[in-house]
């Protein structure tokens, strides 16, 4: 397990809901609900469940495994998971070292996750390993921008932001392809920064 990353998110857990649970969640809620409505009837993996802020947006009666590298995040997520009308199994683990067997899940969802995975392509390859052939990957992510001045601002901000949380300039669409997924759709939610990415194994 990446203990440096774990420690960073353990530290962030105490104030995470204050930082992320109001403005950002209210703004992106309609888009997330629409994305999570694609959750099907099979086994679903939700990567980086955090404190569970996304759980109220899940459709009911799903079979979801939620993982996070931070046990302190998981502890906070349990309250929301207990209120979910369906099954959510919460487990602490690093995406790079998942113990699941190959081809374990029908779908995988992420939400503002791959701005923070230290080795994003390796992390995506790990997801592909546990996803069934033809299985779906659905991501709500913020990424770097191709457009000036946003590209410059994000490049300047990233050395600082990565110390406390996410990197601002990730090339997540390209990373999904580099990990061996087939892109189905990329939807721009806000400029070219906030995206919904759908792909399959």
N, C-alpha and C. Protein backbone atom coordinates (compact mmCIF):
# COMPACT_ATOMS: atom_id res chain seq x y z
N UNK A 1 0.84 -1.20 0.00
CA UNK A 1 0.00 0.00 0.00
C UNK A 1 0.87 1.25 0.00
N UNK A 2 0.44 2.25 -0.75
CA UNK A 2 1.14 3.53 -0.83
C UNK A 2 0.84 4.31 0.45
N UNK A 3 1.75 4.24 1.43
CA UNK A 3 1.51 4.84 2.73
C UNK A 3 1.55 6.37 2.68
N UNK A 4 2.29 6.94 1.74
CA UNK A 4 2.34 8.39 1.60
C UNK A 4 0.97 8.92 1.16
N UNK A 5 0.39 8.27 0.15
CA UNK A 5 -0.94 8.67 -0.33
C UNK A 5 -1.99 8.43 0.74
N UNK A 6 -1.89 7.29 1.43
CA UNK A 6 -2.84 7.00 2.51
C UNK A 6 -2.80 8.09 3.57
N UNK A 7 -1.59 8.48 3.98
CA UNK A 7 -1.47 9.50 5.02
C UNK A 7 -2.06 10.83 4.58
N UNK A 8 -1.88 11.18 3.30
CA UNK A 8 -2.42 12.44 2.79
C UNK A 8 -3.94 12.46 2.89
N UNK A 9 -4.58 11.35 2.51
CA UNK A 9 -6.04 11.32 2.52
C UNK A 9 -6.60 11.04 3.90
N UNK A 10 -5.85 10.35 4.76
CA UNK A 10 -6.25 10.24 6.16
C UNK A 10 -6.33 11.63 6.79
N UNK A 11 -5.35 12.45 6.50
CA UNK A 11 -5.32 13.81 7.05
C UNK A 11 -6.46 14.66 6.49
N UNK A 12 -6.78 14.46 5.21
CA UNK A 12 -7.84 15.25 4.58
C UNK A 12 -9.24 14.85 5.04
N UNK A 13 -9.38 13.63 5.58
CA UNK A 13 -10.71 13.10 5.90
C UNK A 13 -11.47 13.97 6.89
N UNK A 14 -10.77 14.56 7.86
CA UNK A 14 -11.44 15.31 8.92
C UNK A 14 -12.26 16.47 8.37
N UNK A 15 -11.74 17.15 7.35
CA UNK A 15 -12.40 18.34 6.82
C UNK A 15 -12.92 18.16 5.40
N UNK A 16 -12.93 16.92 4.92
CA UNK A 16 -13.25 16.70 3.52
C UNK A 16 -14.68 17.11 3.18
N UNK A 17 -15.62 16.80 4.05
CA UNK A 17 -17.02 17.14 3.76
C UNK A 17 -17.23 18.64 3.70
N UNK A 18 -16.50 19.39 4.54
CA UNK A 18 -16.61 20.84 4.52
C UNK A 18 -16.08 21.40 3.21
N UNK A 19 -14.96 20.84 2.73
CA UNK A 19 -14.33 21.34 1.51
C UNK A 19 -15.10 20.94 0.26
N UNK A 20 -15.64 19.73 0.24
CA UNK A 20 -16.21 19.19 -1.00
C UNK A 20 -17.72 18.96 -0.96
N UNK A 21 -18.32 19.06 0.21
CA UNK A 21 -19.69 18.59 0.35
C UNK A 21 -20.78 19.61 0.09
N UNK A 22 -20.41 20.83 -0.23
CA UNK A 22 -21.43 21.85 -0.40
C UNK A 22 -21.42 22.39 -1.83
N UNK A 23 -20.58 23.37 -2.13
CA UNK A 23 -20.58 23.93 -3.48
C UNK A 23 -20.35 22.92 -4.58
N UNK A 24 -19.22 22.19 -4.55
CA UNK A 24 -18.94 21.24 -5.64
C UNK A 24 -20.01 20.17 -5.80
N UNK A 25 -20.47 19.57 -4.69
CA UNK A 25 -21.45 18.50 -4.81
C UNK A 25 -22.80 19.02 -5.32
N UNK A 26 -23.20 20.20 -4.86
CA UNK A 26 -24.46 20.76 -5.35
C UNK A 26 -24.38 21.07 -6.84
N UNK A 27 -23.21 21.58 -7.26
CA UNK A 27 -23.05 21.96 -8.67
C UNK A 27 -23.08 20.75 -9.58
N UNK A 28 -22.40 19.67 -9.17
CA UNK A 28 -22.24 18.52 -10.07
C UNK A 28 -23.29 17.44 -9.83
N UNK A 29 -24.15 17.60 -8.84
CA UNK A 29 -25.13 16.56 -8.52
C UNK A 29 -25.96 16.10 -9.72
N UNK A 30 -26.54 16.99 -10.54
CA UNK A 30 -27.36 16.49 -11.66
C UNK A 30 -26.57 15.62 -12.63
N UNK A 31 -25.32 15.99 -12.89
CA UNK A 31 -24.49 15.22 -13.81
C UNK A 31 -24.12 13.87 -13.21
N UNK A 32 -23.81 13.86 -11.92
CA UNK A 32 -23.46 12.61 -11.27
C UNK A 32 -24.66 11.66 -11.21
N UNK A 33 -25.83 12.19 -10.88
CA UNK A 33 -27.02 11.34 -10.83
C UNK A 33 -27.27 10.69 -12.19
N UNK A 34 -27.11 11.47 -13.25
CA UNK A 34 -27.33 10.93 -14.59
C UNK A 34 -26.31 9.84 -14.91
N UNK A 35 -25.05 10.06 -14.50
CA UNK A 35 -24.01 9.06 -14.74
C UNK A 35 -24.26 7.80 -13.92
N UNK A 36 -24.54 7.96 -12.64
CA UNK A 36 -24.73 6.81 -11.78
C UNK A 36 -26.01 6.04 -12.10
N UNK A 37 -26.93 6.69 -12.82
CA UNK A 37 -28.14 5.99 -13.26
C UNK A 37 -27.81 4.84 -14.21
N UNK A 38 -26.58 4.83 -14.73
CA UNK A 38 -26.14 3.74 -15.61
C UNK A 38 -25.73 2.49 -14.84
N UNK A 39 -25.74 2.57 -13.51
CA UNK A 39 -25.40 1.38 -12.72
C UNK A 39 -26.38 0.26 -13.02
N UNK A 40 -25.85 -0.90 -13.34
CA UNK A 40 -26.68 -2.03 -13.75
C UNK A 40 -26.94 -3.01 -12.62
N UNK A 41 -27.26 -4.25 -13.02
CA UNK A 41 -27.68 -5.26 -12.06
C UNK A 41 -26.54 -6.17 -11.60
N UNK A 42 -25.36 -6.04 -12.18
CA UNK A 42 -24.25 -6.91 -11.80
C UNK A 42 -23.46 -6.34 -10.64
N UNK A 43 -22.21 -6.80 -10.52
CA UNK A 43 -21.31 -6.32 -9.47
C UNK A 43 -20.67 -5.01 -9.92
N UNK A 44 -20.70 -4.03 -9.04
CA UNK A 44 -20.19 -2.69 -9.34
C UNK A 44 -19.06 -2.36 -8.38
N UNK A 45 -17.97 -1.85 -8.91
CA UNK A 45 -16.87 -1.34 -8.09
C UNK A 45 -16.88 0.18 -8.16
N UNK A 46 -16.87 0.82 -7.00
CA UNK A 46 -16.76 2.28 -6.94
C UNK A 46 -15.41 2.60 -6.31
N UNK A 47 -14.54 3.19 -7.12
CA UNK A 47 -13.17 3.47 -6.67
C UNK A 47 -13.11 4.82 -5.97
N UNK A 48 -12.43 4.83 -4.81
CA UNK A 48 -12.24 6.05 -4.01
C UNK A 48 -13.58 6.61 -3.55
N UNK A 49 -14.25 5.82 -2.73
CA UNK A 49 -15.57 6.19 -2.20
C UNK A 49 -15.48 7.40 -1.27
N UNK A 50 -14.28 7.68 -0.74
CA UNK A 50 -14.08 8.83 0.13
C UNK A 50 -14.97 8.76 1.36
N UNK A 51 -15.58 9.89 1.72
CA UNK A 51 -16.48 9.93 2.86
C UNK A 51 -17.92 9.57 2.47
N UNK A 52 -18.09 9.15 1.23
CA UNK A 52 -19.41 8.70 0.79
C UNK A 52 -20.32 9.79 0.29
N UNK A 53 -19.76 10.94 -0.10
CA UNK A 53 -20.59 12.04 -0.56
C UNK A 53 -21.42 11.69 -1.80
N UNK A 54 -20.92 10.74 -2.61
CA UNK A 54 -21.65 10.36 -3.82
C UNK A 54 -22.77 9.35 -3.55
N UNK A 55 -22.76 8.71 -2.40
CA UNK A 55 -23.71 7.63 -2.14
C UNK A 55 -25.16 8.07 -2.27
N UNK A 56 -25.55 9.26 -1.79
CA UNK A 56 -26.96 9.66 -1.96
C UNK A 56 -27.40 9.80 -3.42
N UNK A 57 -26.44 9.84 -4.35
CA UNK A 57 -26.77 9.98 -5.77
C UNK A 57 -26.91 8.63 -6.47
N UNK A 58 -26.62 7.52 -5.75
CA UNK A 58 -26.69 6.20 -6.36
C UNK A 58 -28.15 5.77 -6.51
N UNK A 59 -28.50 5.10 -7.61
CA UNK A 59 -29.83 4.51 -7.70
C UNK A 59 -29.96 3.38 -6.69
N UNK A 60 -31.18 3.06 -6.26
CA UNK A 60 -31.34 2.03 -5.22
C UNK A 60 -31.12 0.62 -5.75
N UNK A 61 -30.95 -0.28 -4.78
CA UNK A 61 -30.97 -1.73 -5.03
C UNK A 61 -29.81 -2.20 -5.90
N UNK A 62 -28.64 -1.58 -5.73
CA UNK A 62 -27.46 -2.02 -6.47
C UNK A 62 -26.50 -2.78 -5.54
N UNK A 63 -25.62 -3.57 -6.15
CA UNK A 63 -24.62 -4.34 -5.42
C UNK A 63 -23.26 -3.69 -5.66
N UNK A 64 -22.82 -2.87 -4.71
CA UNK A 64 -21.66 -2.00 -4.91
C UNK A 64 -20.57 -2.34 -3.90
N UNK A 65 -19.35 -2.46 -4.39
CA UNK A 65 -18.17 -2.53 -3.54
C UNK A 65 -17.46 -1.19 -3.63
N UNK A 66 -17.35 -0.50 -2.50
CA UNK A 66 -16.69 0.80 -2.47
C UNK A 66 -15.35 0.68 -1.78
N UNK A 67 -14.29 1.12 -2.45
CA UNK A 67 -12.96 1.02 -1.86
C UNK A 67 -12.34 2.41 -1.75
N UNK A 68 -11.41 2.53 -0.81
CA UNK A 68 -10.65 3.76 -0.64
C UNK A 68 -9.34 3.42 0.05
N UNK A 69 -8.30 4.16 -0.26
CA UNK A 69 -7.00 3.91 0.35
C UNK A 69 -6.95 4.35 1.80
N UNK A 70 -7.88 5.25 2.19
CA UNK A 70 -7.88 5.83 3.53
C UNK A 70 -8.93 5.17 4.41
N UNK A 71 -8.50 4.55 5.50
CA UNK A 71 -9.45 3.97 6.43
C UNK A 71 -10.25 5.05 7.16
N UNK A 72 -9.68 6.23 7.31
CA UNK A 72 -10.41 7.33 7.96
C UNK A 72 -11.54 7.83 7.05
N UNK A 73 -11.31 7.85 5.74
CA UNK A 73 -12.39 8.16 4.80
C UNK A 73 -13.48 7.09 4.88
N UNK A 74 -13.08 5.83 4.89
CA UNK A 74 -14.03 4.72 4.96
C UNK A 74 -14.89 4.82 6.22
N UNK A 75 -14.26 5.16 7.35
CA UNK A 75 -15.01 5.28 8.60
C UNK A 75 -16.13 6.31 8.47
N UNK A 76 -15.85 7.43 7.81
CA UNK A 76 -16.86 8.46 7.63
C UNK A 76 -17.93 8.03 6.62
N UNK A 77 -17.53 7.22 5.64
CA UNK A 77 -18.48 6.78 4.61
C UNK A 77 -19.51 5.78 5.15
N UNK A 78 -19.20 5.11 6.26
CA UNK A 78 -20.08 4.04 6.74
C UNK A 78 -21.48 4.56 7.08
N UNK A 79 -21.56 5.77 7.61
CA UNK A 79 -22.87 6.32 7.97
C UNK A 79 -23.75 6.43 6.73
N UNK A 80 -23.20 6.96 5.64
CA UNK A 80 -23.97 7.10 4.41
C UNK A 80 -24.25 5.73 3.78
N UNK A 81 -23.28 4.84 3.87
CA UNK A 81 -23.48 3.50 3.30
C UNK A 81 -24.60 2.76 4.04
N UNK A 82 -24.69 2.94 5.35
CA UNK A 82 -25.73 2.28 6.13
C UNK A 82 -27.13 2.79 5.76
N UNK A 83 -27.20 4.00 5.23
CA UNK A 83 -28.49 4.59 4.86
C UNK A 83 -28.88 4.27 3.42
N UNK A 84 -27.98 3.63 2.67
CA UNK A 84 -28.25 3.33 1.26
C UNK A 84 -29.26 2.20 1.12
N UNK A 85 -30.20 2.35 0.20
CA UNK A 85 -31.23 1.35 -0.06
C UNK A 85 -30.69 0.34 -1.09
N UNK A 86 -29.80 -0.48 -0.63
CA UNK A 86 -29.13 -1.47 -1.46
C UNK A 86 -27.94 -2.00 -0.69
N UNK A 87 -26.99 -2.61 -1.39
CA UNK A 87 -25.83 -3.20 -0.74
C UNK A 87 -24.57 -2.42 -1.09
N UNK A 88 -23.88 -1.92 -0.08
CA UNK A 88 -22.56 -1.31 -0.27
C UNK A 88 -21.59 -1.97 0.70
N UNK A 89 -20.59 -2.61 0.15
CA UNK A 89 -19.52 -3.24 0.93
C UNK A 89 -18.31 -2.32 0.86
N UNK A 90 -17.90 -1.75 1.99
CA UNK A 90 -16.78 -0.81 2.04
C UNK A 90 -15.51 -1.54 2.46
N UNK A 91 -14.44 -1.32 1.70
CA UNK A 91 -13.15 -1.95 2.00
C UNK A 91 -12.02 -0.96 1.78
N UNK A 92 -11.05 -0.99 2.69
CA UNK A 92 -9.87 -0.17 2.51
C UNK A 92 -8.87 -0.92 1.64
N UNK A 93 -8.43 -0.28 0.55
CA UNK A 93 -7.38 -0.88 -0.28
C UNK A 93 -6.85 0.15 -1.27
N UNK A 94 -5.68 -0.15 -1.77
CA UNK A 94 -5.00 0.66 -2.78
C UNK A 94 -5.37 0.09 -4.16
N UNK A 95 -5.75 0.95 -5.08
CA UNK A 95 -6.14 0.48 -6.42
C UNK A 95 -5.03 -0.31 -7.08
N UNK A 96 -3.79 -0.02 -6.74
CA UNK A 96 -2.66 -0.73 -7.35
C UNK A 96 -2.48 -2.15 -6.80
N UNK A 97 -3.13 -2.44 -5.68
CA UNK A 97 -2.93 -3.74 -5.02
C UNK A 97 -4.27 -4.39 -4.66
N UNK A 98 -5.23 -4.34 -5.55
CA UNK A 98 -6.53 -4.91 -5.25
C UNK A 98 -6.47 -6.43 -5.22
N UNK A 99 -7.06 -7.06 -4.20
CA UNK A 99 -7.01 -8.53 -4.10
C UNK A 99 -8.09 -9.25 -4.90
N UNK A 100 -8.94 -8.49 -5.60
CA UNK A 100 -10.02 -9.12 -6.36
C UNK A 100 -9.46 -9.99 -7.48
N UNK A 101 -10.19 -11.04 -7.80
CA UNK A 101 -9.80 -11.89 -8.92
C UNK A 101 -10.02 -11.16 -10.24
N UNK A 102 -9.36 -11.62 -11.28
CA UNK A 102 -9.58 -11.07 -12.61
C UNK A 102 -11.06 -11.21 -12.99
N UNK A 103 -11.55 -10.23 -13.77
CA UNK A 103 -12.91 -10.28 -14.32
C UNK A 103 -13.97 -10.39 -13.23
N UNK A 104 -13.81 -9.62 -12.15
CA UNK A 104 -14.72 -9.71 -11.01
C UNK A 104 -15.95 -8.82 -11.13
N UNK A 105 -15.84 -7.70 -11.86
CA UNK A 105 -16.89 -6.69 -11.84
C UNK A 105 -17.46 -6.45 -13.23
N UNK A 106 -18.76 -6.11 -13.24
CA UNK A 106 -19.45 -5.78 -14.49
C UNK A 106 -19.27 -4.31 -14.86
N UNK A 107 -19.16 -3.46 -13.85
CA UNK A 107 -19.00 -2.03 -14.08
C UNK A 107 -18.08 -1.44 -13.01
N UNK A 108 -17.38 -0.37 -13.39
CA UNK A 108 -16.57 0.39 -12.44
C UNK A 108 -16.90 1.86 -12.61
N UNK A 109 -17.04 2.56 -11.47
CA UNK A 109 -17.32 3.99 -11.48
C UNK A 109 -16.25 4.72 -10.67
N UNK A 110 -15.91 5.92 -11.13
CA UNK A 110 -15.01 6.80 -10.38
C UNK A 110 -15.62 8.20 -10.36
N UNK A 111 -15.23 8.96 -9.34
CA UNK A 111 -15.74 10.33 -9.21
C UNK A 111 -14.61 11.22 -8.66
N UNK A 112 -14.04 12.02 -9.54
CA UNK A 112 -12.93 12.92 -9.14
C UNK A 112 -11.84 12.13 -8.44
N UNK A 113 -11.40 11.07 -9.08
CA UNK A 113 -10.47 10.11 -8.50
C UNK A 113 -9.10 10.13 -9.15
N UNK A 114 -9.06 10.12 -10.48
CA UNK A 114 -7.78 9.93 -11.15
C UNK A 114 -6.94 11.20 -11.26
N UNK A 115 -7.39 12.26 -10.59
CA UNK A 115 -6.52 13.41 -10.36
C UNK A 115 -5.60 13.14 -9.18
N UNK A 116 -5.85 12.05 -8.45
CA UNK A 116 -5.14 11.79 -7.20
C UNK A 116 -4.41 10.45 -7.16
N UNK A 117 -4.70 9.55 -8.07
CA UNK A 117 -3.99 8.26 -8.10
C UNK A 117 -2.55 8.52 -8.53
N UNK A 118 -1.55 8.15 -7.72
CA UNK A 118 -0.17 8.51 -8.02
C UNK A 118 0.34 7.99 -9.36
N UNK A 119 -0.04 6.77 -9.72
CA UNK A 119 0.37 6.18 -11.00
C UNK A 119 -0.89 5.89 -11.79
N UNK A 120 -1.42 6.90 -12.48
CA UNK A 120 -2.78 6.76 -13.05
C UNK A 120 -2.91 5.66 -14.08
N UNK A 121 -1.94 5.50 -14.96
CA UNK A 121 -2.07 4.45 -15.98
C UNK A 121 -2.03 3.08 -15.34
N UNK A 122 -1.13 2.90 -14.37
CA UNK A 122 -1.08 1.62 -13.65
C UNK A 122 -2.39 1.37 -12.91
N UNK A 123 -2.95 2.44 -12.30
CA UNK A 123 -4.22 2.29 -11.60
C UNK A 123 -5.33 1.88 -12.54
N UNK A 124 -5.37 2.48 -13.73
CA UNK A 124 -6.38 2.12 -14.72
C UNK A 124 -6.18 0.69 -15.22
N UNK A 125 -4.94 0.26 -15.37
CA UNK A 125 -4.68 -1.11 -15.76
C UNK A 125 -5.17 -2.09 -14.69
N UNK A 126 -5.05 -1.70 -13.43
CA UNK A 126 -5.57 -2.54 -12.34
C UNK A 126 -7.09 -2.65 -12.43
N UNK A 127 -7.75 -1.54 -12.77
CA UNK A 127 -9.20 -1.59 -12.95
C UNK A 127 -9.58 -2.49 -14.11
N UNK A 128 -8.82 -2.40 -15.19
CA UNK A 128 -9.11 -3.23 -16.36
C UNK A 128 -8.97 -4.71 -16.02
N UNK A 129 -8.02 -5.03 -15.16
CA UNK A 129 -7.82 -6.43 -14.78
C UNK A 129 -9.04 -7.00 -14.08
N UNK A 130 -9.67 -6.21 -13.20
CA UNK A 130 -10.79 -6.75 -12.43
C UNK A 130 -12.13 -6.55 -13.11
N UNK A 131 -12.13 -5.88 -14.26
CA UNK A 131 -13.35 -5.66 -15.03
C UNK A 131 -13.55 -6.79 -16.04
N UNK A 132 -14.76 -7.28 -16.13
CA UNK A 132 -15.04 -8.36 -17.08
C UNK A 132 -14.83 -7.89 -18.51
N UNK A 133 -14.49 -8.78 -19.43
CA UNK A 133 -14.39 -8.39 -20.84
C UNK A 133 -15.69 -7.75 -21.32
N UNK A 134 -15.58 -6.60 -21.91
CA UNK A 134 -16.76 -5.86 -22.32
C UNK A 134 -17.40 -5.04 -21.22
N UNK A 135 -16.85 -5.13 -20.00
CA UNK A 135 -17.38 -4.38 -18.87
C UNK A 135 -17.16 -2.89 -19.04
N UNK A 136 -17.97 -2.11 -18.33
CA UNK A 136 -18.01 -0.65 -18.52
C UNK A 136 -17.25 0.09 -17.43
N UNK A 137 -16.53 1.11 -17.85
CA UNK A 137 -15.88 2.06 -16.95
C UNK A 137 -16.53 3.42 -17.16
N UNK A 138 -17.06 4.00 -16.07
CA UNK A 138 -17.70 5.31 -16.14
C UNK A 138 -17.02 6.24 -15.14
N UNK A 139 -16.58 7.40 -15.61
CA UNK A 139 -15.76 8.29 -14.79
C UNK A 139 -16.30 9.73 -14.84
N UNK A 140 -16.42 10.34 -13.67
CA UNK A 140 -16.66 11.78 -13.57
C UNK A 140 -15.36 12.37 -13.05
N UNK A 141 -14.65 13.12 -13.89
CA UNK A 141 -13.29 13.52 -13.56
C UNK A 141 -13.02 14.96 -13.97
N UNK A 142 -12.14 15.62 -13.20
CA UNK A 142 -11.61 16.89 -13.68
C UNK A 142 -10.18 16.65 -14.17
N UNK A 143 -9.83 17.30 -15.25
CA UNK A 143 -8.58 17.04 -15.95
C UNK A 143 -7.88 18.36 -16.27
N UNK A 144 -6.73 18.24 -16.88
CA UNK A 144 -6.07 19.42 -17.41
C UNK A 144 -6.84 19.97 -18.61
N UNK A 145 -6.44 21.16 -19.04
CA UNK A 145 -7.10 21.82 -20.16
C UNK A 145 -6.12 22.01 -21.31
N UNK A 146 -6.66 22.05 -22.52
CA UNK A 146 -5.83 22.33 -23.70
C UNK A 146 -5.75 23.83 -23.98
N UNK A 147 -6.56 24.62 -23.28
CA UNK A 147 -6.75 26.01 -23.66
C UNK A 147 -6.03 26.97 -22.71
N UNK A 148 -5.39 27.95 -23.28
CA UNK A 148 -4.77 29.03 -22.52
C UNK A 148 -5.88 30.01 -22.09
N UNK A 149 -5.84 30.54 -20.86
CA UNK A 149 -4.80 30.46 -19.84
C UNK A 149 -4.99 29.31 -18.85
N UNK A 150 -6.09 28.51 -19.04
CA UNK A 150 -6.35 27.45 -18.06
C UNK A 150 -5.20 26.44 -17.99
N UNK A 151 -4.64 26.10 -19.14
CA UNK A 151 -3.55 25.12 -19.15
C UNK A 151 -2.37 25.63 -18.34
N UNK A 152 -2.02 26.91 -18.50
CA UNK A 152 -0.90 27.49 -17.76
C UNK A 152 -1.20 27.52 -16.26
N UNK A 153 -2.40 27.95 -15.92
CA UNK A 153 -2.79 28.03 -14.50
C UNK A 153 -2.72 26.67 -13.83
N UNK A 154 -3.20 25.64 -14.51
CA UNK A 154 -3.21 24.30 -13.91
C UNK A 154 -1.80 23.74 -13.77
N UNK A 155 -0.95 24.02 -14.74
CA UNK A 155 0.44 23.56 -14.64
C UNK A 155 1.16 24.24 -13.49
N UNK A 156 0.85 25.51 -13.27
CA UNK A 156 1.48 26.25 -12.18
C UNK A 156 0.96 25.78 -10.83
N UNK A 157 -0.33 25.48 -10.75
CA UNK A 157 -0.96 25.11 -9.49
C UNK A 157 -0.64 23.68 -9.04
N UNK A 158 -0.38 22.79 -9.99
CA UNK A 158 -0.26 21.37 -9.67
C UNK A 158 0.84 21.03 -8.66
N UNK A 159 2.05 21.61 -8.75
CA UNK A 159 3.07 21.25 -7.75
C UNK A 159 2.63 21.51 -6.31
N UNK A 160 1.81 22.53 -6.11
CA UNK A 160 1.28 22.82 -4.77
C UNK A 160 0.09 21.93 -4.45
N UNK A 161 -0.85 21.80 -5.38
CA UNK A 161 -2.09 21.08 -5.10
C UNK A 161 -1.84 19.60 -4.82
N UNK A 162 -0.83 19.01 -5.47
CA UNK A 162 -0.59 17.57 -5.26
C UNK A 162 -0.11 17.27 -3.84
N UNK A 163 0.42 18.28 -3.14
CA UNK A 163 0.87 18.05 -1.77
C UNK A 163 -0.30 17.85 -0.82
N UNK A 164 -1.45 18.45 -1.14
CA UNK A 164 -2.59 18.41 -0.24
C UNK A 164 -3.78 17.62 -0.79
N UNK A 165 -3.74 17.29 -2.07
CA UNK A 165 -4.87 16.59 -2.66
C UNK A 165 -4.62 16.28 -4.12
N UNK A 166 -5.48 16.76 -5.01
CA UNK A 166 -5.42 16.35 -6.42
C UNK A 166 -4.40 17.11 -7.24
N UNK A 167 -4.02 16.51 -8.36
CA UNK A 167 -3.25 17.21 -9.38
C UNK A 167 -4.25 17.84 -10.35
N UNK A 168 -3.90 19.01 -10.87
CA UNK A 168 -4.85 19.78 -11.67
C UNK A 168 -4.72 19.56 -13.17
N UNK A 169 -3.65 18.92 -13.61
CA UNK A 169 -3.36 18.89 -15.05
C UNK A 169 -3.27 17.48 -15.63
N UNK A 170 -4.00 16.54 -15.07
CA UNK A 170 -3.94 15.16 -15.55
C UNK A 170 -4.56 15.01 -16.95
N UNK A 171 -4.00 14.11 -17.74
CA UNK A 171 -4.52 13.80 -19.08
C UNK A 171 -5.29 12.48 -18.99
N UNK A 172 -6.43 12.52 -18.34
CA UNK A 172 -7.12 11.28 -17.98
C UNK A 172 -7.69 10.55 -19.19
N UNK A 173 -8.20 11.27 -20.16
CA UNK A 173 -8.73 10.59 -21.35
C UNK A 173 -7.63 9.80 -22.04
N UNK A 174 -6.48 10.44 -22.22
CA UNK A 174 -5.35 9.75 -22.85
C UNK A 174 -4.88 8.58 -22.00
N UNK A 175 -4.92 8.73 -20.67
CA UNK A 175 -4.50 7.66 -19.77
C UNK A 175 -5.43 6.45 -19.86
N UNK A 176 -6.72 6.71 -20.01
CA UNK A 176 -7.69 5.61 -20.16
C UNK A 176 -7.35 4.78 -21.40
N UNK A 177 -7.04 5.46 -22.48
CA UNK A 177 -6.68 4.75 -23.71
C UNK A 177 -5.34 4.03 -23.55
N UNK A 178 -4.38 4.67 -22.89
CA UNK A 178 -3.07 4.06 -22.70
C UNK A 178 -3.16 2.80 -21.85
N UNK A 179 -4.16 2.72 -20.99
CA UNK A 179 -4.35 1.53 -20.14
C UNK A 179 -5.03 0.40 -20.87
N UNK A 180 -5.47 0.63 -22.10
CA UNK A 180 -6.05 -0.44 -22.91
C UNK A 180 -7.56 -0.45 -23.01
N UNK A 181 -8.22 0.59 -22.49
CA UNK A 181 -9.67 0.68 -22.62
C UNK A 181 -10.05 1.23 -23.99
N UNK A 182 -11.27 0.90 -24.42
CA UNK A 182 -11.84 1.45 -25.65
C UNK A 182 -12.82 2.55 -25.27
N UNK A 183 -12.55 3.76 -25.71
CA UNK A 183 -13.42 4.88 -25.39
C UNK A 183 -14.77 4.75 -26.08
N UNK A 184 -15.84 4.97 -25.32
CA UNK A 184 -17.18 5.03 -25.89
C UNK A 184 -17.64 6.47 -26.06
N UNK A 185 -17.36 7.31 -25.06
CA UNK A 185 -17.85 8.69 -25.09
C UNK A 185 -17.07 9.55 -24.12
N UNK A 186 -16.81 10.79 -24.52
CA UNK A 186 -16.26 11.80 -23.62
C UNK A 186 -17.19 13.01 -23.68
N UNK A 187 -17.79 13.33 -22.57
CA UNK A 187 -18.73 14.46 -22.49
C UNK A 187 -18.10 15.57 -21.67
N UNK A 188 -18.04 16.77 -22.23
CA UNK A 188 -17.51 17.92 -21.51
C UNK A 188 -18.63 18.54 -20.67
N UNK A 189 -18.43 18.54 -19.37
CA UNK A 189 -19.43 19.08 -18.45
C UNK A 189 -19.16 20.57 -18.18
N UNK A 190 -17.89 20.92 -18.02
CA UNK A 190 -17.51 22.32 -17.82
C UNK A 190 -16.23 22.58 -18.61
N UNK A 191 -16.37 23.42 -19.66
CA UNK A 191 -15.25 23.66 -20.59
C UNK A 191 -14.68 22.31 -21.01
N UNK A 192 -13.34 22.19 -21.04
CA UNK A 192 -12.75 20.87 -21.30
C UNK A 192 -12.06 20.35 -20.05
N UNK A 193 -12.50 20.86 -18.89
CA UNK A 193 -11.85 20.53 -17.62
C UNK A 193 -12.60 19.43 -16.88
N UNK A 194 -13.89 19.59 -16.70
CA UNK A 194 -14.71 18.56 -16.03
C UNK A 194 -15.34 17.70 -17.12
N UNK A 195 -15.11 16.38 -17.02
CA UNK A 195 -15.54 15.47 -18.07
C UNK A 195 -16.25 14.26 -17.50
N UNK A 196 -17.13 13.68 -18.29
CA UNK A 196 -17.63 12.33 -18.08
C UNK A 196 -17.03 11.46 -19.15
N UNK A 197 -16.33 10.43 -18.72
CA UNK A 197 -15.62 9.53 -19.63
C UNK A 197 -16.24 8.14 -19.50
N UNK A 198 -16.68 7.58 -20.60
CA UNK A 198 -17.21 6.22 -20.63
C UNK A 198 -16.37 5.37 -21.57
N UNK A 199 -15.98 4.21 -21.08
CA UNK A 199 -15.13 3.32 -21.85
C UNK A 199 -15.49 1.89 -21.49
N UNK A 200 -14.86 0.94 -22.19
CA UNK A 200 -15.11 -0.47 -21.86
C UNK A 200 -13.84 -1.28 -22.03
N UNK A 201 -13.82 -2.41 -21.32
CA UNK A 201 -12.67 -3.30 -21.37
C UNK A 201 -12.64 -4.01 -22.71
